[in-house]
Amino acid sequence: MNSPKIGFVTCVHPFYDLPAVVKHRDEAVEELQKAGCEVIAAQIPRSSLDAIEIASLLRRSEVDVVLLFFCTWVAEDITLALARELMDIPMLIWALPYLDKDIPMPSPISGFTASGSN
């Protein structure tokens, strides 16, 4: 059996540039690789135009599944652009329960919920 090829997209609100995001992203990618997955980790999209470019990269990479990794709340236009561009590829959504307990901000679950309901 071939290892699954995962297109990994970290979802954050464009206003945030937090070290904890990179830490959690890197740990998640590393664990997926340890589990035998091939991971195509895209840059963090900051706009819907970035999302369209990332979708093109993931399509060219012939990923088997796209994993949206929610680290904060998000701007829904970004996740909706990804979903629209990749609607024929299975998509998983994964949200942290919180990014950092010491930094007051909306939970990643709010981004997960908002994107999932749109």
PDB file of N, CA and C in Angstrom:
ATOM      1  N   MET A   1       0.840  -1.187   0.000  1.00  0.00           N
ATOM      2  CA  MET A   1       0.000   0.000   0.000  1.00  0.00           C
ATOM      3  C   MET A   1       0.882   1.246   0.000  1.00  0.00           C
ATOM      4  N   ASN A   2       0.516   2.205  -0.820  1.00  0.00           N
ATOM      5  CA  ASN A   2       1.259   3.457  -0.880  1.00  0.00           C
ATOM      6  C   ASN A   2       0.897   4.351   0.299  1.00  0.00           C
ATOM      7  N   SER A   3       1.880   5.120   0.743  1.00  0.00           N
ATOM      8  CA  SER A   3       1.628   6.092   1.813  1.00  0.00           C
ATOM      9  C   SER A   3       0.726   7.195   1.280  1.00  0.00           C
ATOM     10  N   PRO A   4      -0.204   7.678   2.091  1.00  0.00           N
ATOM     11  CA  PRO A   4      -1.046   8.780   1.621  1.00  0.00           C
ATOM     12  C   PRO A   4      -0.222  10.057   1.471  1.00  0.00           C
ATOM     13  N   LYS A   5      -0.556  10.800   0.442  1.00  0.00           N
ATOM     14  CA  LYS A   5       0.083  12.101   0.217  1.00  0.00           C
ATOM     15  C   LYS A   5      -0.899  13.169   0.691  1.00  0.00           C
ATOM     16  N   ILE A   6      -0.488  13.893   1.723  1.00  0.00           N
ATOM     17  CA  ILE A   6      -1.357  14.871   2.375  1.00  0.00           C
ATOM     18  C   ILE A   6      -0.916  16.289   2.026  1.00  0.00           C
ATOM     19  N   GLY A   7      -1.849  17.080   1.528  1.00  0.00           N
ATOM     20  CA  GLY A   7      -1.619  18.508   1.353  1.00  0.00           C
ATOM     21  C   GLY A   7      -1.987  19.193   2.657  1.00  0.00           C
ATOM     22  N   PHE A   8      -1.001  19.738   3.348  1.00  0.00           N
ATOM     23  CA  PHE A   8      -1.178  20.281   4.701  1.00  0.00           C
ATOM     24  C   PHE A   8      -1.224  21.804   4.629  1.00  0.00           C
ATOM     25  N   VAL A   9      -2.356  22.384   5.050  1.00  0.00           N
ATOM     26  CA  VAL A   9      -2.517  23.840   5.015  1.00  0.00           C
ATOM     27  C   VAL A   9      -2.835  24.332   6.423  1.00  0.00           C
ATOM     28  N   THR A  10      -1.981  25.188   6.941  1.00  0.00           N
ATOM     29  CA  THR A  10      -2.185  25.780   8.261  1.00  0.00           C
ATOM     30  C   THR A  10      -3.127  26.967   8.117  1.00  0.00           C
ATOM     31  N   CYS A  11      -4.189  26.973   8.908  1.00  0.00           N
ATOM     32  CA  CYS A  11      -5.212  28.016   8.821  1.00  0.00           C
ATOM     33  C   CYS A  11      -5.142  28.913  10.053  1.00  0.00           C
ATOM     34  N   VAL A  12      -4.864  30.181   9.808  1.00  0.00           N
ATOM     35  CA  VAL A  12      -4.836  31.189  10.872  1.00  0.00           C
ATOM     36  C   VAL A  12      -5.484  32.457  10.327  1.00  0.00           C
ATOM     37  N   HIS A  13      -5.859  33.357  11.218  1.00  0.00           N
ATOM     38  CA  HIS A  13      -6.342  34.654  10.754  1.00  0.00           C
ATOM     39  C   HIS A  13      -5.142  35.422  10.204  1.00  0.00           C
ATOM     40  N   PRO A  14      -5.310  36.136   9.079  1.00  0.00           N
ATOM     41  CA  PRO A  14      -4.167  36.821   8.461  1.00  0.00           C
ATOM     42  C   PRO A  14      -3.459  37.828   9.353  1.00  0.00           C
ATOM     43  N   PHE A  15      -4.122  38.318  10.406  1.00  0.00           N
ATOM     44  CA  PHE A  15      -3.490  39.297  11.288  1.00  0.00           C
ATOM     45  C   PHE A  15      -2.467  38.669  12.226  1.00  0.00           C
ATOM     46  N   TYR A  16      -2.531  37.357  12.403  1.00  0.00           N
ATOM     47  CA  TYR A  16      -1.676  36.699  13.385  1.00  0.00           C
ATOM     48  C   TYR A  16      -0.406  36.158  12.757  1.00  0.00           C
ATOM     49  N   ASP A  17       0.693  36.382  13.438  1.00  0.00           N
ATOM     50  CA  ASP A  17       1.977  35.783  13.081  1.00  0.00           C
ATOM     51  C   ASP A  17       2.614  35.371  14.407  1.00  0.00           C
ATOM     52  N   LEU A  18       2.193  34.219  14.920  1.00  0.00           N
ATOM     53  CA  LEU A  18       2.570  33.794  16.262  1.00  0.00           C
ATOM     54  C   LEU A  18       3.516  32.602  16.227  1.00  0.00           C
ATOM     55  N   PRO A  19       4.577  32.632  17.046  1.00  0.00           N
ATOM     56  CA  PRO A  19       5.514  31.505  17.083  1.00  0.00           C
ATOM     57  C   PRO A  19       4.840  30.171  17.404  1.00  0.00           C
ATOM     58  N   ALA A  20       3.799  30.194  18.222  1.00  0.00           N
ATOM     59  CA  ALA A  20       3.121  28.946  18.583  1.00  0.00           C
ATOM     60  C   ALA A  20       2.507  28.268  17.363  1.00  0.00           C
ATOM     61  N   VAL A  21       2.089  29.052  16.356  1.00  0.00           N
ATOM     62  CA  VAL A  21       1.516  28.470  15.139  1.00  0.00           C
ATOM     63  C   VAL A  21       2.562  27.608  14.445  1.00  0.00           C
ATOM     64  N   VAL A  22       3.749  28.152  14.255  1.00  0.00           N
ATOM     65  CA  VAL A  22       4.823  27.413  13.582  1.00  0.00           C
ATOM     66  C   VAL A  22       5.191  26.169  14.380  1.00  0.00           C
ATOM     67  N   LYS A  23       5.256  26.300  15.684  1.00  0.00           N
ATOM     68  CA  LYS A  23       5.592  25.155  16.548  1.00  0.00           C
ATOM     69  C   LYS A  23       4.578  24.027  16.379  1.00  0.00           C
ATOM     70  N   HIS A  24       3.294  24.362  16.481  1.00  0.00           N
ATOM     71  CA  HIS A  24       2.251  23.335  16.352  1.00  0.00           C
ATOM     72  C   HIS A  24       2.221  22.750  14.942  1.00  0.00           C
ATOM     73  N   ARG A  25       2.386  23.606  13.931  1.00  0.00           N
ATOM     74  CA  ARG A  25       2.403  23.122  12.546  1.00  0.00           C
ATOM     75  C   ARG A  25       3.538  22.136  12.342  1.00  0.00           C
ATOM     76  N   ASP A  26       4.735  22.512  12.768  1.00  0.00           N
ATOM     77  CA  ASP A  26       5.902  21.645  12.579  1.00  0.00           C
ATOM     78  C   ASP A  26       5.739  20.317  13.308  1.00  0.00           C
ATOM     79  N   GLU A  27       5.181  20.360  14.521  1.00  0.00           N
ATOM     80  CA  GLU A  27       4.953  19.117  15.278  1.00  0.00           C
ATOM     81  C   GLU A  27       3.933  18.221  14.572  1.00  0.00           C
ATOM     82  N   ALA A  28       2.871  18.817  14.051  1.00  0.00           N
ATOM     83  CA  ALA A  28       1.837  18.034  13.362  1.00  0.00           C
ATOM     84  C   ALA A  28       2.397  17.381  12.102  1.00  0.00           C
ATOM     85  N   VAL A  29       3.146  18.147  11.315  1.00  0.00           N
ATOM     86  CA  VAL A  29       3.753  17.600  10.094  1.00  0.00           C
ATOM     87  C   VAL A  29       4.710  16.470  10.444  1.00  0.00           C
ATOM     88  N   GLU A  30       5.532  16.682  11.457  1.00  0.00           N
ATOM     89  CA  GLU A  30       6.494  15.656  11.876  1.00  0.00           C
ATOM     90  C   GLU A  30       5.783  14.363  12.294  1.00  0.00           C
ATOM     91  N   GLU A  31       4.704  14.477  13.054  1.00  0.00           N
ATOM     92  CA  GLU A  31       3.978  13.284  13.499  1.00  0.00           C
ATOM     93  C   GLU A  31       3.307  12.564  12.332  1.00  0.00           C
ATOM     94  N   LEU A  32       2.783  13.310  11.378  1.00  0.00           N
ATOM     95  CA  LEU A  32       2.197  12.676  10.193  1.00  0.00           C
ATOM     96  C   LEU A  32       3.264  11.921   9.399  1.00  0.00           C
ATOM     97  N   GLN A  33       4.443  12.525   9.287  1.00  0.00           N
ATOM     98  CA  GLN A  33       5.539  11.856   8.582  1.00  0.00           C
ATOM     99  C   GLN A  33       5.990  10.608   9.325  1.00  0.00           C
ATOM    100  N   LYS A  34       6.067  10.682  10.648  1.00  0.00           N
ATOM    101  CA  LYS A  34       6.425   9.504  11.447  1.00  0.00           C
ATOM    102  C   LYS A  34       5.415   8.377  11.246  1.00  0.00           C
ATOM    103  N   ALA A  35       4.163   8.746  11.006  1.00  0.00           N
ATOM    104  CA  ALA A  35       3.102   7.754  10.795  1.00  0.00           C
ATOM    105  C   ALA A  35       3.129   7.179   9.378  1.00  0.00           C
ATOM    106  N   GLY A  36       4.076   7.649   8.565  1.00  0.00           N
ATOM    107  CA  GLY A  36       4.231   7.098   7.225  1.00  0.00           C
ATOM    108  C   GLY A  36       3.587   7.899   6.116  1.00  0.00           C
ATOM    109  N   CYS A  37       3.097   9.080   6.418  1.00  0.00           N
ATOM    110  CA  CYS A  37       2.461   9.918   5.403  1.00  0.00           C
ATOM    111  C   CYS A  37       3.496  10.783   4.695  1.00  0.00           C
ATOM    112  N   GLU A  38       3.263  11.022   3.423  1.00  0.00           N
ATOM    113  CA  GLU A  38       4.039  12.025   2.700  1.00  0.00           C
ATOM    114  C   GLU A  38       3.270  13.330   2.852  1.00  0.00           C
ATOM    115  N   VAL A  39       3.948  14.379   3.297  1.00  0.00           N
ATOM    116  CA  VAL A  39       3.261  15.641   3.589  1.00  0.00           C
ATOM    117  C   VAL A  39       3.797  16.741   2.678  1.00  0.00           C
ATOM    118  N   ILE A  40       2.889  17.381   1.968  1.00  0.00           N
ATOM    119  CA  ILE A  40       3.203  18.577   1.194  1.00  0.00           C
ATOM    120  C   ILE A  40       2.687  19.742   2.033  1.00  0.00           C
ATOM    121  N   ALA A  41       3.593  20.410   2.746  1.00  0.00           N
ATOM    122  CA  ALA A  41       3.211  21.502   3.648  1.00  0.00           C
ATOM    123  C   ALA A  41       3.295  22.828   2.896  1.00  0.00           C
ATOM    124  N   ALA A  42       2.149  23.433   2.686  1.00  0.00           N
ATOM    125  CA  ALA A  42       2.082  24.698   1.966  1.00  0.00           C
ATOM    126  C   ALA A  42       2.399  25.857   2.905  1.00  0.00           C
ATOM    127  N   GLN A  43       2.704  27.004   2.304  1.00  0.00           N
ATOM    128  CA  GLN A  43       2.864  28.220   3.097  1.00  0.00           C
ATOM    129  C   GLN A  43       1.528  28.554   3.748  1.00  0.00           C
ATOM    130  N   ILE A  44       1.550  29.395   4.745  1.00  0.00           N
ATOM    131  CA  ILE A  44       0.310  29.806   5.406  1.00  0.00           C
ATOM    132  C   ILE A  44      -0.386  30.843   4.524  1.00  0.00           C
ATOM    133  N   PRO A  45      -1.619  30.562   4.094  1.00  0.00           N
ATOM    134  CA  PRO A  45      -2.318  31.539   3.248  1.00  0.00           C
ATOM    135  C   PRO A  45      -2.768  32.752   4.059  1.00  0.00           C
ATOM    136  N   ARG A  46      -2.519  33.935   3.511  1.00  0.00           N
ATOM    137  CA  ARG A  46      -2.908  35.184   4.176  1.00  0.00           C
ATOM    138  C   ARG A  46      -4.034  35.898   3.433  1.00  0.00           C
ATOM    139  N   SER A  47      -4.429  35.359   2.283  1.00  0.00           N
ATOM    140  CA  SER A  47      -5.517  35.942   1.490  1.00  0.00           C
ATOM    141  C   SER A  47      -6.133  34.844   0.639  1.00  0.00           C
ATOM    142  N   SER A  48      -7.282  35.150   0.042  1.00  0.00           N
ATOM    143  CA  SER A  48      -7.907  34.162  -0.840  1.00  0.00           C
ATOM    144  C   SER A  48      -7.054  33.934  -2.085  1.00  0.00           C
ATOM    145  N   LEU A  49      -6.299  34.942  -2.511  1.00  0.00           N
ATOM    146  CA  LEU A  49      -5.388  34.748  -3.651  1.00  0.00           C
ATOM    147  C   LEU A  49      -4.272  33.770  -3.287  1.00  0.00           C
ATOM    148  N   ASP A  50      -3.744  33.875  -2.070  1.00  0.00           N
ATOM    149  CA  ASP A  50      -2.763  32.883  -1.595  1.00  0.00           C
ATOM    150  C   ASP A  50      -3.378  31.486  -1.614  1.00  0.00           C
ATOM    151  N   ALA A  51      -4.626  31.387  -1.182  1.00  0.00           N
ATOM    152  CA  ALA A  51      -5.304  30.091  -1.126  1.00  0.00           C
ATOM    153  C   ALA A  51      -5.420  29.475  -2.515  1.00  0.00           C
ATOM    154  N   ILE A  52      -5.706  30.290  -3.516  1.00  0.00           N
ATOM    155  CA  ILE A  52      -5.812  29.787  -4.890  1.00  0.00           C
ATOM    156  C   ILE A  52      -4.459  29.271  -5.365  1.00  0.00           C
ATOM    157  N   GLU A  53      -3.382  29.990  -5.048  1.00  0.00           N
ATOM    158  CA  GLU A  53      -2.031  29.528  -5.418  1.00  0.00           C
ATOM    159  C   GLU A  53      -1.689  28.219  -4.714  1.00  0.00           C
ATOM    160  N   ILE A  54      -2.040  28.108  -3.451  1.00  0.00           N
ATOM    161  CA  ILE A  54      -1.779  26.884  -2.687  1.00  0.00           C
ATOM    162  C   ILE A  54      -2.580  25.724  -3.268  1.00  0.00           C
ATOM    163  N   ALA A  55      -3.827  25.974  -3.621  1.00  0.00           N
ATOM    164  CA  ALA A  55      -4.654  24.928  -4.236  1.00  0.00           C
ATOM    165  C   ALA A  55      -4.004  24.421  -5.517  1.00  0.00           C
ATOM    166  N   SER A  56      -3.464  25.326  -6.302  1.00  0.00           N
ATOM    167  CA  SER A  56      -2.781  24.933  -7.537  1.00  0.00           C
ATOM    168  C   SER A  56      -1.560  24.066  -7.236  1.00  0.00           C
ATOM    169  N   LEU A  57      -0.782  24.453  -6.233  1.00  0.00           N
ATOM    170  CA  LEU A  57       0.385  23.665  -5.819  1.00  0.00           C
ATOM    171  C   LEU A  57      -0.039  22.261  -5.393  1.00  0.00           C
ATOM    172  N   LEU A  58      -1.069  22.171  -4.578  1.00  0.00           N
ATOM    173  CA  LEU A  58      -1.511  20.867  -4.078  1.00  0.00           C
ATOM    174  C   LEU A  58      -2.063  19.999  -5.207  1.00  0.00           C
ATOM    175  N   ARG A  59      -2.747  20.614  -6.153  1.00  0.00           N
ATOM    176  CA  ARG A  59      -3.255  19.867  -7.302  1.00  0.00           C
ATOM    177  C   ARG A  59      -2.089  19.327  -8.146  1.00  0.00           C
ATOM    178  N   ARG A  60      -1.101  20.179  -8.415  1.00  0.00           N
ATOM    179  CA  ARG A  60       0.085  19.733  -9.180  1.00  0.00           C
ATOM    180  C   ARG A  60       0.834  18.630  -8.443  1.00  0.00           C
ATOM    181  N   SER A  61       0.814  18.677  -7.119  1.00  0.00           N
ATOM    182  CA  SER A  61       1.502  17.666  -6.304  1.00  0.00           C
ATOM    183  C   SER A  61       0.717  16.358  -6.220  1.00  0.00           C
ATOM    184  N   GLU A  62      -0.492  16.356  -6.759  1.00  0.00           N
ATOM    185  CA  GLU A  62      -1.351  15.167  -6.795  1.00  0.00           C
ATOM    186  C   GLU A  62      -1.577  14.571  -5.403  1.00  0.00           C
ATOM    187  N   VAL A  63      -1.976  15.449  -4.478  1.00  0.00           N
ATOM    188  CA  VAL A  63      -2.246  14.975  -3.115  1.00  0.00           C
ATOM    189  C   VAL A  63      -3.499  14.100  -3.102  1.00  0.00           C
ATOM    190  N   ASP A  64      -3.528  13.175  -2.152  1.00  0.00           N
ATOM    191  CA  ASP A  64      -4.686  12.293  -1.977  1.00  0.00           C
ATOM    192  C   ASP A  64      -5.769  12.940  -1.123  1.00  0.00           C
ATOM    193  N   VAL A  65      -5.347  13.814  -0.230  1.00  0.00           N
ATOM    194  CA  VAL A  65      -6.265  14.466   0.702  1.00  0.00           C
ATOM    195  C   VAL A  65      -5.657  15.808   1.113  1.00  0.00           C
ATOM    196  N   VAL A  66      -6.513  16.771   1.400  1.00  0.00           N
ATOM    197  CA  VAL A  66      -6.072  18.070   1.914  1.00  0.00           C
ATOM    198  C   VAL A  66      -6.471  18.132   3.384  1.00  0.00           C
ATOM    199  N   LEU A  67      -5.528  18.507   4.232  1.00  0.00           N
ATOM    200  CA  LEU A  67      -5.780  18.641   5.662  1.00  0.00           C
ATOM    201  C   LEU A  67      -5.680  20.117   6.025  1.00  0.00           C
ATOM    202  N   LEU A  68      -6.783  20.690   6.477  1.00  0.00           N
ATOM    203  CA  LEU A  68      -6.781  22.071   6.962  1.00  0.00           C
ATOM    204  C   LEU A  68      -6.551  22.029   8.464  1.00  0.00           C
ATOM    205  N   PHE A  69      -5.443  22.618   8.899  1.00  0.00           N
ATOM    206  CA  PHE A  69      -5.008  22.579  10.295  1.00  0.00           C
ATOM    207  C   PHE A  69      -5.278  23.943  10.924  1.00  0.00           C
ATOM    208  N   PHE A  70      -6.359  24.045  11.707  1.00  0.00           N
ATOM    209  CA  PHE A  70      -6.783  25.311  12.294  1.00  0.00           C
ATOM    210  C   PHE A  70      -6.022  25.588  13.584  1.00  0.00           C
ATOM    211  N   CYS A  71      -5.293  26.714  13.598  1.00  0.00           N
ATOM    212  CA  CYS A  71      -4.520  27.115  14.783  1.00  0.00           C
ATOM    213  C   CYS A  71      -5.106  28.339  15.478  1.00  0.00           C
ATOM    214  N   THR A  72      -5.893  29.132  14.777  1.00  0.00           N
ATOM    215  CA  THR A  72      -6.587  30.281  15.357  1.00  0.00           C
ATOM    216  C   THR A  72      -7.934  30.368  14.651  1.00  0.00           C
ATOM    217  N   TRP A  73      -8.716  31.378  14.986  1.00  0.00           N
ATOM    218  CA  TRP A  73      -9.888  31.647  14.169  1.00  0.00           C
ATOM    219  C   TRP A  73      -9.370  32.096  12.815  1.00  0.00           C
ATOM    220  N   VAL A  74     -10.208  32.140  11.805  1.00  0.00           N
ATOM    221  CA  VAL A  74      -9.730  32.380  10.444  1.00  0.00           C
ATOM    222  C   VAL A  74     -10.582  33.425   9.731  1.00  0.00           C
ATOM    223  N   ALA A  75     -10.068  33.872   8.597  1.00  0.00           N
ATOM    224  CA  ALA A  75     -10.864  34.654   7.653  1.00  0.00           C
ATOM    225  C   ALA A  75     -11.475  33.631   6.694  1.00  0.00           C
ATOM    226  N   GLU A  76     -12.791  33.472   6.735  1.00  0.00           N
ATOM    227  CA  GLU A  76     -13.451  32.390   6.008  1.00  0.00           C
ATOM    228  C   GLU A  76     -13.229  32.438   4.507  1.00  0.00           C
ATOM    229  N   ASP A  77     -12.964  33.622   3.936  1.00  0.00           N
ATOM    230  CA  ASP A  77     -12.750  33.671   2.489  1.00  0.00           C
ATOM    231  C   ASP A  77     -11.545  32.828   2.076  1.00  0.00           C
ATOM    232  N   ILE A  78     -10.582  32.670   2.973  1.00  0.00           N
ATOM    233  CA  ILE A  78      -9.392  31.872   2.664  1.00  0.00           C
ATOM    234  C   ILE A  78      -9.750  30.392   2.605  1.00  0.00           C
ATOM    235  N   THR A  79     -10.415  29.894   3.635  1.00  0.00           N
ATOM    236  CA  THR A  79     -10.760  28.470   3.648  1.00  0.00           C
ATOM    237  C   THR A  79     -11.806  28.150   2.586  1.00  0.00           C
ATOM    238  N   LEU A  80     -12.716  29.079   2.317  1.00  0.00           N
ATOM    239  CA  LEU A  80     -13.703  28.843   1.267  1.00  0.00           C
ATOM    240  C   LEU A  80     -13.049  28.797  -0.108  1.00  0.00           C
ATOM    241  N   ALA A  81     -12.029  29.626  -0.345  1.00  0.00           N
ATOM    242  CA  ALA A  81     -11.306  29.572  -1.623  1.00  0.00           C
ATOM    243  C   ALA A  81     -10.612  28.221  -1.784  1.00  0.00           C
ATOM    244  N   LEU A  82     -10.008  27.727  -0.713  1.00  0.00           N
ATOM    245  CA  LEU A  82      -9.378  26.397  -0.780  1.00  0.00           C
ATOM    246  C   LEU A  82     -10.414  25.322  -1.101  1.00  0.00           C
ATOM    247  N   ALA A  83     -11.544  25.357  -0.407  1.00  0.00           N
ATOM    248  CA  ALA A  83     -12.588  24.354  -0.628  1.00  0.00           C
ATOM    249  C   ALA A  83     -13.137  24.427  -2.052  1.00  0.00           C
ATOM    250  N   ARG A  84     -13.329  25.632  -2.551  1.00  0.00           N
ATOM    251  CA  ARG A  84     -13.858  25.810  -3.903  1.00  0.00           C
ATOM    252  C   ARG A  84     -12.880  25.281  -4.948  1.00  0.00           C
ATOM    253  N   GLU A  85     -11.603  25.588  -4.775  1.00  0.00           N
ATOM    254  CA  GLU A  85     -10.593  25.188  -5.759  1.00  0.00           C
ATOM    255  C   GLU A  85     -10.279  23.695  -5.705  1.00  0.00           C
ATOM    256  N   LEU A  86     -10.511  23.072  -4.558  1.00  0.00           N
ATOM    257  CA  LEU A  86     -10.128  21.662  -4.371  1.00  0.00           C
ATOM    258  C   LEU A  86     -11.341  20.780  -4.078  1.00  0.00           C
ATOM    259  N   MET A  87     -12.503  21.158  -4.582  1.00  0.00           N
ATOM    260  CA  MET A  87     -13.733  20.455  -4.199  1.00  0.00           C
ATOM    261  C   MET A  87     -13.767  18.987  -4.622  1.00  0.00           C
ATOM    262  N   ASP A  88     -12.904  18.577  -5.535  1.00  0.00           N
ATOM    263  CA  ASP A  88     -12.890  17.176  -5.965  1.00  0.00           C
ATOM    264  C   ASP A  88     -11.861  16.333  -5.210  1.00  0.00           C
ATOM    265  N   ILE A  89     -11.172  16.938  -4.257  1.00  0.00           N
ATOM    266  CA  ILE A  89     -10.178  16.222  -3.446  1.00  0.00           C
ATOM    267  C   ILE A  89     -10.726  16.127  -2.017  1.00  0.00           C
ATOM    268  N   PRO A  90     -10.690  14.941  -1.399  1.00  0.00           N
ATOM    269  CA  PRO A  90     -11.171  14.830  -0.015  1.00  0.00           C
ATOM    270  C   PRO A  90     -10.453  15.826   0.903  1.00  0.00           C
ATOM    271  N   MET A  91     -11.199  16.377   1.844  1.00  0.00           N
ATOM    272  CA  MET A  91     -10.651  17.385   2.749  1.00  0.00           C
ATOM    273  C   MET A  91     -10.969  17.004   4.193  1.00  0.00           C
ATOM    274  N   LEU A  92      -9.948  17.067   5.034  1.00  0.00           N
ATOM    275  CA  LEU A  92     -10.107  16.853   6.471  1.00  0.00           C
ATOM    276  C   LEU A  92      -9.860  18.172   7.180  1.00  0.00           C
ATOM    277  N   ILE A  93     -10.579  18.409   8.257  1.00  0.00           N
ATOM    278  CA  ILE A  93     -10.316  19.599   9.058  1.00  0.00           C
ATOM    279  C   ILE A  93      -9.951  19.166  10.472  1.00  0.00           C
ATOM    280  N   TRP A  94      -8.903  19.799  10.984  1.00  0.00           N
ATOM    281  CA  TRP A  94      -8.328  19.456  12.282  1.00  0.00           C
ATOM    282  C   TRP A  94      -8.111  20.774  13.011  1.00  0.00           C
ATOM    283  N   ALA A  95      -8.628  20.891  14.213  1.00  0.00           N
ATOM    284  CA  ALA A  95      -8.470  22.128  14.980  1.00  0.00           C
ATOM    285  C   ALA A  95      -7.864  21.836  16.337  1.00  0.00           C
ATOM    286  N   LEU A  96      -6.933  22.678  16.733  1.00  0.00           N
ATOM    287  CA  LEU A  96      -6.414  22.629  18.095  1.00  0.00           C
ATOM    288  C   LEU A  96      -7.501  23.139  19.036  1.00  0.00           C
ATOM    289  N   PRO A  97      -7.578  22.646  20.263  1.00  0.00           N
ATOM    290  CA  PRO A  97      -8.568  23.187  21.200  1.00  0.00           C
ATOM    291  C   PRO A  97      -8.243  24.632  21.596  1.00  0.00           C
ATOM    292  N   TYR A  98      -6.972  24.978  21.569  1.00  0.00           N
ATOM    293  CA  TYR A  98      -6.503  26.338  21.835  1.00  0.00           C
ATOM    294  C   TYR A  98      -5.092  26.433  21.279  1.00  0.00           C
ATOM    295  N   LEU A  99      -4.646  27.641  20.971  1.00  0.00           N
ATOM    296  CA  LEU A  99      -3.289  27.819  20.463  1.00  0.00           C
ATOM    297  C   LEU A  99      -2.317  27.956  21.618  1.00  0.00           C
ATOM    298  N   ASP A 100      -2.597  28.878  22.490  1.00  0.00           N
ATOM    299  CA  ASP A 100      -1.708  29.169  23.608  1.00  0.00           C
ATOM    300  C   ASP A 100      -2.580  29.716  24.733  1.00  0.00           C
ATOM    301  N   LYS A 101      -2.623  29.030  25.840  1.00  0.00           N
ATOM    302  CA  LYS A 101      -3.501  29.451  26.942  1.00  0.00           C
ATOM    303  C   LYS A 101      -3.123  30.813  27.512  1.00  0.00           C
ATOM    304  N   ASP A 102      -1.883  31.261  27.282  1.00  0.00           N
ATOM    305  CA  ASP A 102      -1.432  32.531  27.842  1.00  0.00           C
ATOM    306  C   ASP A 102      -1.766  33.730  26.959  1.00  0.00           C
ATOM    307  N   ILE A 103      -2.222  33.487  25.737  1.00  0.00           N
ATOM    308  CA  ILE A 103      -2.558  34.578  24.823  1.00  0.00           C
ATOM    309  C   ILE A 103      -4.067  34.570  24.613  1.00  0.00           C
ATOM    310  N   PRO A 104      -4.763  35.609  25.075  1.00  0.00           N
ATOM    311  CA  PRO A 104      -6.221  35.618  24.899  1.00  0.00           C
ATOM    312  C   PRO A 104      -6.592  35.848  23.434  1.00  0.00           C
ATOM    313  N   MET A 105      -7.251  34.877  22.857  1.00  0.00           N
ATOM    314  CA  MET A 105      -7.738  34.985  21.485  1.00  0.00           C
ATOM    315  C   MET A 105      -8.809  33.927  21.284  1.00  0.00           C
ATOM    316  N   PRO A 106      -9.638  34.104  20.250  1.00  0.00           N
ATOM    317  CA  PRO A 106     -10.657  33.085  20.001  1.00  0.00           C
ATOM    318  C   PRO A 106     -10.019  31.720  19.734  1.00  0.00           C
ATOM    319  N   SER A 107     -10.698  30.696  20.159  1.00  0.00           N
ATOM    320  CA  SER A 107     -10.228  29.326  19.984  1.00  0.00           C
ATOM    321  C   SER A 107     -10.176  28.943  18.510  1.00  0.00           C
ATOM    322  N   PRO A 108      -9.224  28.073  18.133  1.00  0.00           N
ATOM    323  CA  PRO A 108      -9.221  27.539  16.774  1.00  0.00           C
ATOM    324  C   PRO A 108     -10.538  26.834  16.424  1.00  0.00           C
ATOM    325  N   ILE A 109     -11.235  26.343  17.435  1.00  0.00           N
ATOM    326  CA  ILE A 109     -12.521  25.691  17.191  1.00  0.00           C
ATOM    327  C   ILE A 109     -13.508  26.671  16.548  1.00  0.00           C
ATOM    328  N   SER A 110     -13.384  27.973  16.856  1.00  0.00           N
ATOM    329  CA  SER A 110     -14.280  28.960  16.234  1.00  0.00           C
ATOM    330  C   SER A 110     -14.008  29.063  14.737  1.00  0.00           C
ATOM    331  N   GLY A 111     -12.737  28.978  14.333  1.00  0.00           N
ATOM    332  CA  GLY A 111     -12.406  28.975  12.906  1.00  0.00           C
ATOM    333  C   GLY A 111     -12.912  27.726  12.214  1.00  0.00           C
ATOM    334  N   PHE A 112     -12.751  26.606  12.883  1.00  0.00           N
ATOM    335  CA  PHE A 112     -13.228  25.311  12.396  1.00  0.00           C
ATOM    336  C   PHE A 112     -14.743  25.368  12.180  1.00  0.00           C
ATOM    337  N   THR A 113     -15.457  25.889  13.172  1.00  0.00           N
ATOM    338  CA  THR A 113     -16.919  25.959  13.109  1.00  0.00           C
ATOM    339  C   THR A 113     -17.385  26.921  12.021  1.00  0.00           C
ATOM    340  N   ALA A 114     -16.770  28.098  11.958  1.00  0.00           N
ATOM    341  CA  ALA A 114     -17.166  29.089  10.956  1.00  0.00           C
ATOM    342  C   ALA A 114     -16.919  28.570   9.540  1.00  0.00           C
ATOM    343  N   SER A 115     -15.767  27.973   9.313  1.00  0.00           N
ATOM    344  CA  SER A 115     -15.461  27.456   7.976  1.00  0.00           C
ATOM    345  C   SER A 115     -16.346  26.270   7.625  1.00  0.00           C
ATOM    346  N   GLY A 116     -16.553  25.393   8.587  1.00  0.00           N
ATOM    347  CA  GLY A 116     -17.382  24.217   8.338  1.00  0.00           C
ATOM    348  C   GLY A 116     -18.835  24.556   8.060  1.00  0.00           C
ATOM    349  N   SER A 117     -19.325  25.631   8.649  1.00  0.00           N
ATOM    350  CA  SER A 117     -20.730  25.995   8.453  1.00  0.00           C
ATOM    351  C   SER A 117     -20.954  26.791   7.176  1.00  0.00           C
ATOM    352  N   ASN A 118     -19.870  27.254   6.568  1.00  0.00           N
ATOM    353  CA  ASN A 118     -20.004  27.994   5.307  1.00  0.00           C
ATOM    354  C   ASN A 118     -19.892  27.059   4.149  1.00  0.00           C
TER     355      ASN A 118
END
